[in-house]
PDB file of N, CA and C in Angstrom:
ATOM      1  N   MET A   1       0.847  -1.186   0.000  1.00  0.00           N
ATOM      2  CA  MET A   1       0.000   0.000   0.000  1.00  0.00           C
ATOM      3  C   MET A   1       0.887   1.243   0.000  1.00  0.00           C
ATOM      4  N   LYS A   2       0.499   2.208  -0.820  1.00  0.00           N
ATOM      5  CA  LYS A   2       1.198   3.485  -0.864  1.00  0.00           C
ATOM      6  C   LYS A   2       0.388   4.513  -0.086  1.00  0.00           C
ATOM      7  N   THR A   3       1.076   5.458   0.523  1.00  0.00           N
ATOM      8  CA  THR A   3       0.409   6.635   1.064  1.00  0.00           C
ATOM      9  C   THR A   3       0.999   7.848   0.368  1.00  0.00           C
ATOM     10  N   ILE A   4       0.129   8.746  -0.013  1.00  0.00           N
ATOM     11  CA  ILE A   4       0.494   9.914  -0.802  1.00  0.00           C
ATOM     12  C   ILE A   4      -0.097  11.137  -0.111  1.00  0.00           C
ATOM     13  N   ARG A   5       0.669  12.208  -0.029  1.00  0.00           N
ATOM     14  CA  ARG A   5       0.142  13.460   0.514  1.00  0.00           C
ATOM     15  C   ARG A   5      -0.434  14.265  -0.653  1.00  0.00           C
ATOM     16  N   ASP A   6      -1.718  14.599  -0.570  1.00  0.00           N
ATOM     17  CA  ASP A   6      -2.363  15.325  -1.670  1.00  0.00           C
ATOM     18  C   ASP A   6      -2.007  16.813  -1.631  1.00  0.00           C
ATOM     19  N   CYS A   7      -2.519  17.562  -2.584  1.00  0.00           N
ATOM     20  CA  CYS A   7      -2.209  18.985  -2.700  1.00  0.00           C
ATOM     21  C   CYS A   7      -2.729  19.801  -1.519  1.00  0.00           C
ATOM     22  N   PHE A   8      -3.629  19.233  -0.728  1.00  0.00           N
ATOM     23  CA  PHE A   8      -4.161  19.899   0.458  1.00  0.00           C
ATOM     24  C   PHE A   8      -3.395  19.511   1.724  1.00  0.00           C
ATOM     25  N   GLY A   9      -2.429  18.585   1.580  1.00  0.00           N
ATOM     26  CA  GLY A   9      -1.632  18.137   2.723  1.00  0.00           C
ATOM     27  C   GLY A   9      -2.204  16.936   3.453  1.00  0.00           C
ATOM     28  N   ARG A  10      -3.258  16.328   2.930  1.00  0.00           N
ATOM     29  CA  ARG A  10      -3.876  15.156   3.573  1.00  0.00           C
ATOM     30  C   ARG A  10      -3.235  13.875   3.063  1.00  0.00           C
ATOM     31  N   LEU A  11      -3.168  12.866   3.926  1.00  0.00           N
ATOM     32  CA  LEU A  11      -2.641  11.557   3.522  1.00  0.00           C
ATOM     33  C   LEU A  11      -3.734  10.742   2.845  1.00  0.00           C
ATOM     34  N   ILE A  12      -3.363  10.159   1.686  1.00  0.00           N
ATOM     35  CA  ILE A  12      -4.287   9.358   0.888  1.00  0.00           C
ATOM     36  C   ILE A  12      -3.702   7.953   0.764  1.00  0.00           C
ATOM     37  N   ARG A  13      -4.531   6.941   0.994  1.00  0.00           N
ATOM     38  CA  ARG A  13      -4.101   5.549   0.814  1.00  0.00           C
ATOM     39  C   ARG A  13      -4.401   5.099  -0.612  1.00  0.00           C
ATOM     40  N   LEU A  14      -3.435   4.406  -1.202  1.00  0.00           N
ATOM     41  CA  LEU A  14      -3.627   3.754  -2.495  1.00  0.00           C
ATOM     42  C   LEU A  14      -3.233   2.300  -2.302  1.00  0.00           C
ATOM     43  N   THR A  15      -4.235   1.441  -2.144  1.00  0.00           N
ATOM     44  CA  THR A  15      -3.977   0.037  -1.812  1.00  0.00           C
ATOM     45  C   THR A  15      -3.604  -0.771  -3.050  1.00  0.00           C
ATOM     46  N   ASP A  16      -2.965  -1.895  -2.822  1.00  0.00           N
ATOM     47  CA  ASP A  16      -2.605  -2.806  -3.912  1.00  0.00           C
ATOM     48  C   ASP A  16      -3.856  -3.300  -4.633  1.00  0.00           C
ATOM     49  N   GLU A  17      -4.921  -3.518  -3.880  1.00  0.00           N
ATOM     50  CA  GLU A  17      -6.177  -3.989  -4.474  1.00  0.00           C
ATOM     51  C   GLU A  17      -6.744  -2.943  -5.427  1.00  0.00           C
ATOM     52  N   ARG A  18      -6.684  -1.658  -5.049  1.00  0.00           N
ATOM     53  CA  ARG A  18      -7.193  -0.588  -5.911  1.00  0.00           C
ATOM     54  C   ARG A  18      -6.315  -0.426  -7.147  1.00  0.00           C
ATOM     55  N   ILE A  19      -4.988  -0.539  -6.979  1.00  0.00           N
ATOM     56  CA  ILE A  19      -4.091  -0.464  -8.138  1.00  0.00           C
ATOM     57  C   ILE A  19      -4.421  -1.590  -9.112  1.00  0.00           C
ATOM     58  N   ALA A  20      -4.609  -2.806  -8.601  1.00  0.00           N
ATOM     59  CA  ALA A  20      -4.944  -3.944  -9.464  1.00  0.00           C
ATOM     60  C   ALA A  20      -6.257  -3.681 -10.207  1.00  0.00           C
ATOM     61  N   HIS A  21      -7.239  -3.125  -9.504  1.00  0.00           N
ATOM     62  CA  HIS A  21      -8.529  -2.792 -10.131  1.00  0.00           C
ATOM     63  C   HIS A  21      -8.333  -1.782 -11.261  1.00  0.00           C
ATOM     64  N   ILE A  22      -7.585  -0.721 -11.000  1.00  0.00           N
ATOM     65  CA  ILE A  22      -7.347   0.328 -11.997  1.00  0.00           C
ATOM     66  C   ILE A  22      -6.620  -0.230 -13.210  1.00  0.00           C
ATOM     67  N   LEU A  23      -5.618  -1.087 -12.971  1.00  0.00           N
ATOM     68  CA  LEU A  23      -4.799  -1.602 -14.061  1.00  0.00           C
ATOM     69  C   LEU A  23      -5.470  -2.709 -14.869  1.00  0.00           C
ATOM     70  N   GLN A  24      -6.675  -3.106 -14.498  1.00  0.00           N
ATOM     71  CA  GLN A  24      -7.447  -4.036 -15.321  1.00  0.00           C
ATOM     72  C   GLN A  24      -7.837  -3.385 -16.646  1.00  0.00           C
ATOM     73  N   HIS A  25      -7.822  -2.061 -16.672  1.00  0.00           N
ATOM     74  CA  HIS A  25      -8.156  -1.320 -17.886  1.00  0.00           C
ATOM     75  C   HIS A  25      -6.855  -1.056 -18.645  1.00  0.00           C
ATOM     76  N   PRO A  26      -6.696  -1.633 -19.842  1.00  0.00           N
ATOM     77  CA  PRO A  26      -5.422  -1.555 -20.570  1.00  0.00           C
ATOM     78  C   PRO A  26      -4.901  -0.131 -20.780  1.00  0.00           C
ATOM     79  N   GLU A  27      -5.792   0.836 -20.954  1.00  0.00           N
ATOM     80  CA  GLU A  27      -5.349   2.207 -21.189  1.00  0.00           C
ATOM     81  C   GLU A  27      -4.681   2.832 -19.969  1.00  0.00           C
ATOM     82  N   MET A  28      -4.853   2.202 -18.790  1.00  0.00           N
ATOM     83  CA  MET A  28      -4.297   2.750 -17.550  1.00  0.00           C
ATOM     84  C   MET A  28      -2.935   2.171 -17.173  1.00  0.00           C
ATOM     85  N   ILE A  29      -2.463   1.146 -17.888  1.00  0.00           N
ATOM     86  CA  ILE A  29      -1.230   0.456 -17.507  1.00  0.00           C
ATOM     87  C   ILE A  29      -0.050   1.412 -17.354  1.00  0.00           C
ATOM     88  N   GLU A  30       0.165   2.290 -18.302  1.00  0.00           N
ATOM     89  CA  GLU A  30       1.295   3.215 -18.226  1.00  0.00           C
ATOM     90  C   GLU A  30       1.013   4.416 -17.333  1.00  0.00           C
ATOM     91  N   MET A  31      -0.189   4.545 -16.818  1.00  0.00           N
ATOM     92  CA  MET A  31      -0.575   5.708 -16.025  1.00  0.00           C
ATOM     93  C   MET A  31      -0.405   5.503 -14.518  1.00  0.00           C
ATOM     94  N   GLU A  32      -0.025   4.318 -14.084  1.00  0.00           N
ATOM     95  CA  GLU A  32       0.077   4.061 -12.638  1.00  0.00           C
ATOM     96  C   GLU A  32       0.913   5.104 -11.895  1.00  0.00           C
ATOM     97  N   PRO A  33       2.134   5.454 -12.365  1.00  0.00           N
ATOM     98  CA  PRO A  33       2.918   6.449 -11.613  1.00  0.00           C
ATOM     99  C   PRO A  33       2.273   7.838 -11.595  1.00  0.00           C
ATOM    100  N   GLU A  34       1.416   8.095 -12.570  1.00  0.00           N
ATOM    101  CA  GLU A  34       0.785   9.411 -12.666  1.00  0.00           C
ATOM    102  C   GLU A  34      -0.334   9.605 -11.649  1.00  0.00           C
ATOM    103  N   ILE A  35      -0.843   8.518 -11.082  1.00  0.00           N
ATOM    104  CA  ILE A  35      -1.916   8.637 -10.092  1.00  0.00           C
ATOM    105  C   ILE A  35      -1.424   9.429  -8.890  1.00  0.00           C
ATOM    106  N   ALA A  36      -0.238   9.107  -8.381  1.00  0.00           N
ATOM    107  CA  ALA A  36       0.321   9.849  -7.244  1.00  0.00           C
ATOM    108  C   ALA A  36       0.565  11.304  -7.633  1.00  0.00           C
ATOM    109  N   ARG A  37       1.072  11.501  -8.841  1.00  0.00           N
ATOM    110  CA  ARG A  37       1.372  12.864  -9.282  1.00  0.00           C
ATOM    111  C   ARG A  37       0.119  13.735  -9.377  1.00  0.00           C
ATOM    112  N   VAL A  38      -0.977  13.168  -9.890  1.00  0.00           N
ATOM    113  CA  VAL A  38      -2.201  13.963 -10.017  1.00  0.00           C
ATOM    114  C   VAL A  38      -2.772  14.315  -8.641  1.00  0.00           C
ATOM    115  N   LEU A  39      -2.543  13.475  -7.646  1.00  0.00           N
ATOM    116  CA  LEU A  39      -2.989  13.800  -6.291  1.00  0.00           C
ATOM    117  C   LEU A  39      -2.147  14.925  -5.688  1.00  0.00           C
ATOM    118  N   GLN A  40      -0.861  14.933  -5.993  1.00  0.00           N
ATOM    119  CA  GLN A  40       0.048  15.929  -5.436  1.00  0.00           C
ATOM    120  C   GLN A  40       0.000  17.257  -6.172  1.00  0.00           C
ATOM    121  N   GLU A  41      -0.129  17.216  -7.501  1.00  0.00           N
ATOM    122  CA  GLU A  41      -0.055  18.424  -8.323  1.00  0.00           C
ATOM    123  C   GLU A  41      -1.146  18.429  -9.397  1.00  0.00           C
ATOM    124  N   PRO A  42      -2.407  18.460  -9.001  1.00  0.00           N
ATOM    125  CA  PRO A  42      -3.484  18.419 -10.002  1.00  0.00           C
ATOM    126  C   PRO A  42      -3.646  19.756 -10.708  1.00  0.00           C
ATOM    127  N   ALA A  43      -4.192  19.694 -11.909  1.00  0.00           N
ATOM    128  CA  ALA A  43      -4.594  20.920 -12.594  1.00  0.00           C
ATOM    129  C   ALA A  43      -5.849  21.471 -11.928  1.00  0.00           C
ATOM    130  N   GLU A  44      -6.707  20.556 -11.488  1.00  0.00           N
ATOM    131  CA  GLU A  44      -7.964  20.959 -10.862  1.00  0.00           C
ATOM    132  C   GLU A  44      -8.480  19.839  -9.972  1.00  0.00           C
ATOM    133  N   VAL A  45      -9.183  20.236  -8.893  1.00  0.00           N
ATOM    134  CA  VAL A  45      -9.875  19.286  -8.014  1.00  0.00           C
ATOM    135  C   VAL A  45     -11.319  19.768  -7.915  1.00  0.00           C
ATOM    136  N   ARG A  46     -12.238  18.824  -8.090  1.00  0.00           N
ATOM    137  CA  ARG A  46     -13.663  19.153  -7.989  1.00  0.00           C
ATOM    138  C   ARG A  46     -14.345  18.262  -6.963  1.00  0.00           C
ATOM    139  N   LEU A  47     -15.351  18.818  -6.330  1.00  0.00           N
ATOM    140  CA  LEU A  47     -16.181  18.074  -5.388  1.00  0.00           C
ATOM    141  C   LEU A  47     -17.224  17.296  -6.183  1.00  0.00           C
ATOM    142  N   SER A  48     -17.390  16.018  -5.855  1.00  0.00           N
ATOM    143  CA  SER A  48     -18.399  15.206  -6.521  1.00  0.00           C
ATOM    144  C   SER A  48     -19.785  15.780  -6.249  1.00  0.00           C
ATOM    145  N   ARG A  49     -20.620  15.792  -7.270  1.00  0.00           N
ATOM    146  CA  ARG A  49     -21.990  16.272  -7.092  1.00  0.00           C
ATOM    147  C   ARG A  49     -22.887  15.211  -6.471  1.00  0.00           C
ATOM    148  N   SER A  50     -22.450  13.937  -6.517  1.00  0.00           N
ATOM    149  CA  SER A  50     -23.302  12.865  -5.996  1.00  0.00           C
ATOM    150  C   SER A  50     -22.885  12.397  -4.605  1.00  0.00           C
ATOM    151  N   ASP A  51     -21.662  12.760  -4.143  1.00  0.00           N
ATOM    152  CA  ASP A  51     -21.187  12.322  -2.829  1.00  0.00           C
ATOM    153  C   ASP A  51     -20.234  13.385  -2.284  1.00  0.00           C
ATOM    154  N   SER A  52     -20.646  14.087  -1.248  1.00  0.00           N
ATOM    155  CA  SER A  52     -19.855  15.201  -0.713  1.00  0.00           C
ATOM    156  C   SER A  52     -18.558  14.747  -0.036  1.00  0.00           C
ATOM    157  N   THR A  53     -18.361  13.440   0.129  1.00  0.00           N
ATOM    158  CA  THR A  53     -17.110  12.936   0.712  1.00  0.00           C
ATOM    159  C   THR A  53     -16.110  12.535  -0.369  1.00  0.00           C
ATOM    160  N   VAL A  54     -16.462  12.752  -1.640  1.00  0.00           N
ATOM    161  CA  VAL A  54     -15.611  12.349  -2.761  1.00  0.00           C
ATOM    162  C   VAL A  54     -15.110  13.583  -3.501  1.00  0.00           C
ATOM    163  N   GLN A  55     -13.805  13.551  -3.821  1.00  0.00           N
ATOM    164  CA  GLN A  55     -13.194  14.608  -4.618  1.00  0.00           C
ATOM    165  C   GLN A  55     -12.534  13.992  -5.843  1.00  0.00           C
ATOM    166  N   LEU A  56     -12.571  14.728  -6.952  1.00  0.00           N
ATOM    167  CA  LEU A  56     -12.040  14.277  -8.232  1.00  0.00           C
ATOM    168  C   LEU A  56     -10.817  15.126  -8.583  1.00  0.00           C
ATOM    169  N   PHE A  57      -9.663  14.481  -8.704  1.00  0.00           N
ATOM    170  CA  PHE A  57      -8.392  15.139  -9.023  1.00  0.00           C
ATOM    171  C   PHE A  57      -8.112  14.947 -10.504  1.00  0.00           C
ATOM    172  N   TYR A  58      -7.837  16.047 -11.228  1.00  0.00           N
ATOM    173  CA  TYR A  58      -7.659  15.987 -12.678  1.00  0.00           C
ATOM    174  C   TYR A  58      -6.310  16.548 -13.128  1.00  0.00           C
ATOM    175  N   GLU A  59      -5.750  15.916 -14.145  1.00  0.00           N
ATOM    176  CA  GLU A  59      -4.583  16.427 -14.868  1.00  0.00           C
ATOM    177  C   GLU A  59      -4.722  15.986 -16.316  1.00  0.00           C
ATOM    178  N   TYR A  60      -4.373  16.872 -17.242  1.00  0.00           N
ATOM    179  CA  TYR A  60      -4.493  16.544 -18.658  1.00  0.00           C
ATOM    180  C   TYR A  60      -3.190  15.951 -19.185  1.00  0.00           C
ATOM    181  N   TYR A  61      -3.312  14.885 -19.965  1.00  0.00           N
ATOM    182  CA  TYR A  61      -2.167  14.230 -20.608  1.00  0.00           C
ATOM    183  C   TYR A  61      -2.421  14.220 -22.113  1.00  0.00           C
ATOM    184  N   ALA A  62      -1.545  14.891 -22.860  1.00  0.00           N
ATOM    185  CA  ALA A  62      -1.704  14.992 -24.310  1.00  0.00           C
ATOM    186  C   ALA A  62      -1.470  13.656 -25.001  1.00  0.00           C
ATOM    187  N   LYS A  63      -0.616  12.818 -24.404  1.00  0.00           N
ATOM    188  CA  LYS A  63      -0.287  11.536 -25.035  1.00  0.00           C
ATOM    189  C   LYS A  63      -0.560  10.397 -24.063  1.00  0.00           C
ATOM    190  N   THR A  64      -1.617   9.664 -24.314  1.00  0.00           N
ATOM    191  CA  THR A  64      -1.906   8.429 -23.589  1.00  0.00           C
ATOM    192  C   THR A  64      -2.116   7.350 -24.649  1.00  0.00           C
ATOM    193  N   ARG A  65      -2.366   6.127 -24.228  1.00  0.00           N
ATOM    194  CA  ARG A  65      -2.632   5.038 -25.186  1.00  0.00           C
ATOM    195  C   ARG A  65      -3.868   5.317 -26.043  1.00  0.00           C
ATOM    196  N   VAL A  66      -4.744   6.186 -25.553  1.00  0.00           N
ATOM    197  CA  VAL A  66      -5.996   6.476 -26.256  1.00  0.00           C
ATOM    198  C   VAL A  66      -6.103   7.954 -26.638  1.00  0.00           C
ATOM    199  N   GLY A  67      -4.964   8.618 -26.806  1.00  0.00           N
ATOM    200  CA  GLY A  67      -4.952  10.022 -27.209  1.00  0.00           C
ATOM    201  C   GLY A  67      -4.966  10.968 -26.024  1.00  0.00           C
ATOM    202  N   GLY A  68      -5.203  12.241 -26.301  1.00  0.00           N
ATOM    203  CA  GLY A  68      -5.237  13.259 -25.248  1.00  0.00           C
ATOM    204  C   GLY A  68      -6.442  13.077 -24.341  1.00  0.00           C
ATOM    205  N   LYS A  69      -6.187  12.906 -23.051  1.00  0.00           N
ATOM    206  CA  LYS A  69      -7.269  12.657 -22.083  1.00  0.00           C
ATOM    207  C   LYS A  69      -6.927  13.289 -20.736  1.00  0.00           C
ATOM    208  N   TRP A  70      -7.957  13.490 -19.936  1.00  0.00           N
ATOM    209  CA  TRP A  70      -7.802  13.869 -18.539  1.00  0.00           C
ATOM    210  C   TRP A  70      -7.653  12.593 -17.719  1.00  0.00           C
ATOM    211  N   LEU A  71      -6.675  12.571 -16.816  1.00  0.00           N
ATOM    212  CA  LEU A  71      -6.599  11.509 -15.817  1.00  0.00           C
ATOM    213  C   LEU A  71      -7.393  11.996 -14.617  1.00  0.00           C
ATOM    214  N   CYS A  72      -8.331  11.196 -14.172  1.00  0.00           N
ATOM    215  CA  CYS A  72      -9.142  11.517 -13.001  1.00  0.00           C
ATOM    216  C   CYS A  72      -8.855  10.483 -11.916  1.00  0.00           C
ATOM    217  N   ALA A  73      -8.405  10.951 -10.755  1.00  0.00           N
ATOM    218  CA  ALA A  73      -8.235  10.089  -9.583  1.00  0.00           C
ATOM    219  C   ALA A  73      -9.361  10.437  -8.613  1.00  0.00           C
ATOM    220  N   VAL A  74     -10.121   9.432  -8.225  1.00  0.00           N
ATOM    221  CA  VAL A  74     -11.291   9.616  -7.368  1.00  0.00           C
ATOM    222  C   VAL A  74     -10.908   9.238  -5.940  1.00  0.00           C
ATOM    223  N   VAL A  75     -11.058  10.201  -5.017  1.00  0.00           N
ATOM    224  CA  VAL A  75     -10.655   9.990  -3.622  1.00  0.00           C
ATOM    225  C   VAL A  75     -11.858  10.189  -2.714  1.00  0.00           C
ATOM    226  N   LYS A  76     -12.054   9.230  -1.801  1.00  0.00           N
ATOM    227  CA  LYS A  76     -13.116   9.326  -0.801  1.00  0.00           C
ATOM    228  C   LYS A  76     -12.481   9.651   0.541  1.00  0.00           C
ATOM    229  N   TYR A  77     -13.054  10.603   1.257  1.00  0.00           N
ATOM    230  CA  TYR A  77     -12.535  11.043   2.560  1.00  0.00           C
ATOM    231  C   TYR A  77     -13.515  10.674   3.663  1.00  0.00           C
ATOM    232  N   ALA A  78     -12.949  10.212   4.770  1.00  0.00           N
ATOM    233  CA  ALA A  78     -13.742   9.930   5.972  1.00  0.00           C
ATOM    234  C   ALA A  78     -12.938  10.450   7.153  1.00  0.00           C
ATOM    235  N   ALA A  79     -13.438  11.473   7.815  1.00  0.00           N
ATOM    236  CA  ALA A  79     -12.750  12.126   8.939  1.00  0.00           C
ATOM    237  C   ALA A  79     -11.331  12.523   8.515  1.00  0.00           C
ATOM    238  N   GLU A  80     -10.314  11.894   9.093  1.00  0.00           N
ATOM    239  CA  GLU A  80      -8.921  12.229   8.779  1.00  0.00           C
ATOM    240  C   GLU A  80      -8.302  11.283   7.766  1.00  0.00           C
ATOM    241  N   ASP A  81      -9.093  10.426   7.154  1.00  0.00           N
ATOM    242  CA  ASP A  81      -8.585   9.383   6.278  1.00  0.00           C
ATOM    243  C   ASP A  81      -9.102   9.570   4.860  1.00  0.00           C
ATOM    244  N   GLY A  82      -8.224   9.345   3.874  1.00  0.00           N
ATOM    245  CA  GLY A  82      -8.648   9.389   2.485  1.00  0.00           C
ATOM    246  C   GLY A  82      -8.098   8.185   1.748  1.00  0.00           C
ATOM    247  N   PHE A  83      -8.829   7.703   0.742  1.00  0.00           N
ATOM    248  CA  PHE A  83      -8.334   6.583  -0.048  1.00  0.00           C
ATOM    249  C   PHE A  83      -8.797   6.707  -1.489  1.00  0.00           C
ATOM    250  N   VAL A  84      -7.948   6.212  -2.407  1.00  0.00           N
ATOM    251  CA  VAL A  84      -8.277   6.224  -3.827  1.00  0.00           C
ATOM    252  C   VAL A  84      -9.307   5.139  -4.097  1.00  0.00           C
ATOM    253  N   VAL A  85     -10.416   5.527  -4.680  1.00  0.00           N
ATOM    254  CA  VAL A  85     -11.471   4.588  -5.057  1.00  0.00           C
ATOM    255  C   VAL A  85     -11.146   3.996  -6.425  1.00  0.00           C
ATOM    256  N   THR A  86     -10.804   4.891  -7.373  1.00  0.00           N
ATOM    257  CA  THR A  86     -10.468   4.466  -8.726  1.00  0.00           C
ATOM    258  C   THR A  86      -9.746   5.599  -9.428  1.00  0.00           C
ATOM    259  N   ALA A  87      -9.289   5.316 -10.627  1.00  0.00           N
ATOM    260  CA  ALA A  87      -8.696   6.329 -11.509  1.00  0.00           C
ATOM    261  C   ALA A  87      -9.004   5.903 -12.933  1.00  0.00           C
ATOM    262  N   TYR A  88      -9.231   6.886 -13.798  1.00  0.00           N
ATOM    263  CA  TYR A  88      -9.595   6.577 -15.175  1.00  0.00           C
ATOM    264  C   TYR A  88      -9.246   7.747 -16.079  1.00  0.00           C
ATOM    265  N   LEU A  89      -9.232   7.485 -17.378  1.00  0.00           N
ATOM    266  CA  LEU A  89      -9.027   8.530 -18.379  1.00  0.00           C
ATOM    267  C   LEU A  89     -10.388   8.957 -18.914  1.00  0.00           C
ATOM    268  N   THR A  90     -10.533  10.264 -19.174  1.00  0.00           N
ATOM    269  CA  THR A  90     -11.811  10.792 -19.634  1.00  0.00           C
ATOM    270  C   THR A  90     -11.592  11.962 -20.586  1.00  0.00           C
ATOM    271  N   ASP A  91     -12.590  12.238 -21.402  1.00  0.00           N
ATOM    272  CA  ASP A  91     -12.513  13.353 -22.344  1.00  0.00           C
ATOM    273  C   ASP A  91     -12.727  14.702 -21.678  1.00  0.00           C
ATOM    274  N   GLN A  92     -13.503  14.710 -20.597  1.00  0.00           N
ATOM    275  CA  GLN A  92     -13.798  15.989 -19.939  1.00  0.00           C
ATOM    276  C   GLN A  92     -14.018  15.796 -18.447  1.00  0.00           C
ATOM    277  N   MET A  93     -13.827  16.893 -17.713  1.00  0.00           N
ATOM    278  CA  MET A  93     -14.054  16.863 -16.272  1.00  0.00           C
ATOM    279  C   MET A  93     -15.549  16.836 -15.982  1.00  0.00           C
ATOM    280  N   LYS A  94     -15.895  16.159 -14.891  1.00  0.00           N
ATOM    281  CA  LYS A  94     -17.292  16.143 -14.459  1.00  0.00           C
ATOM    282  C   LYS A  94     -17.633  17.492 -13.825  1.00  0.00           C
ATOM    283  N   PRO A  95     -18.902  17.896 -13.893  1.00  0.00           N
ATOM    284  CA  PRO A  95     -19.282  19.135 -13.223  1.00  0.00           C
ATOM    285  C   PRO A  95     -19.173  18.982 -11.709  1.00  0.00           C
ATOM    286  N   GLY A  96     -18.932  20.063 -11.027  1.00  0.00           N
ATOM    287  CA  GLY A  96     -18.833  20.060  -9.574  1.00  0.00           C
ATOM    288  C   GLY A  96     -18.090  21.293  -9.108  1.00  0.00           C
ATOM    289  N   GLU A  97     -18.239  21.604  -7.838  1.00  0.00           N
ATOM    290  CA  GLU A  97     -17.578  22.779  -7.259  1.00  0.00           C
ATOM    291  C   GLU A  97     -16.055  22.623  -7.352  1.00  0.00           C
ATOM    292  N   ARG A  98     -15.387  23.646  -7.855  1.00  0.00           N
ATOM    293  CA  ARG A  98     -13.933  23.613  -7.970  1.00  0.00           C
ATOM    294  C   ARG A  98     -13.309  23.919  -6.609  1.00  0.00           C
ATOM    295  N   LEU A  99     -12.449  23.006  -6.141  1.00  0.00           N
ATOM    296  CA  LEU A  99     -11.762  23.168  -4.861  1.00  0.00           C
ATOM    297  C   LEU A  99     -10.312  23.569  -5.030  1.00  0.00           C
ATOM    298  N   TRP A 100      -9.733  23.260  -6.195  1.00  0.00           N
ATOM    299  CA  TRP A 100      -8.334  23.550  -6.485  1.00  0.00           C
ATOM    300  C   TRP A 100      -8.221  23.870  -7.962  1.00  0.00           C
ATOM    301  N   PRO A 101      -7.468  24.825  -8.431  1.00  0.00           N
ATOM    302  CA  PRO A 101      -6.683  25.683  -7.561  1.00  0.00           C
ATOM    303  C   PRO A 101      -7.596  26.555  -6.706  1.00  0.00           C
ATOM    304  N   LYS A 102      -7.062  26.934  -5.562  1.00  0.00           N
ATOM    305  CA  LYS A 102      -7.856  27.741  -4.624  1.00  0.00           C
ATOM    306  C   LYS A 102      -8.193  29.069  -5.264  1.00  0.00           C
ATOM    307  N   LYS A 103      -9.396  29.507  -5.033  1.00  0.00           N
ATOM    308  CA  LYS A 103      -9.903  30.745  -5.647  1.00  0.00           C
ATOM    309  C   LYS A 103      -9.298  31.963  -4.986  1.00  0.00           C
TER     310      LYS A 103
END
């Protein structure tokens, strides 16, 4: 299990089980090291509209296995604990309140 400090200074867990789940998607194989980076230095962080304990960390990558895409790392927070739920490539960011960069 990895622990990563996010851009807000909180510790985030990234378990081996979650990494295995993420890497089941072939387009994500080369993106594993980027998951930690997007948590530490995202272009943008948004609050999930469906779950107020979930935040979406985004960074754009011009060259992935499937072309230019946003990497989204989904983190769920509970009290002082956070953990990566999943990560995926997407064409656009989901709507939601922008938390980072700070206004």
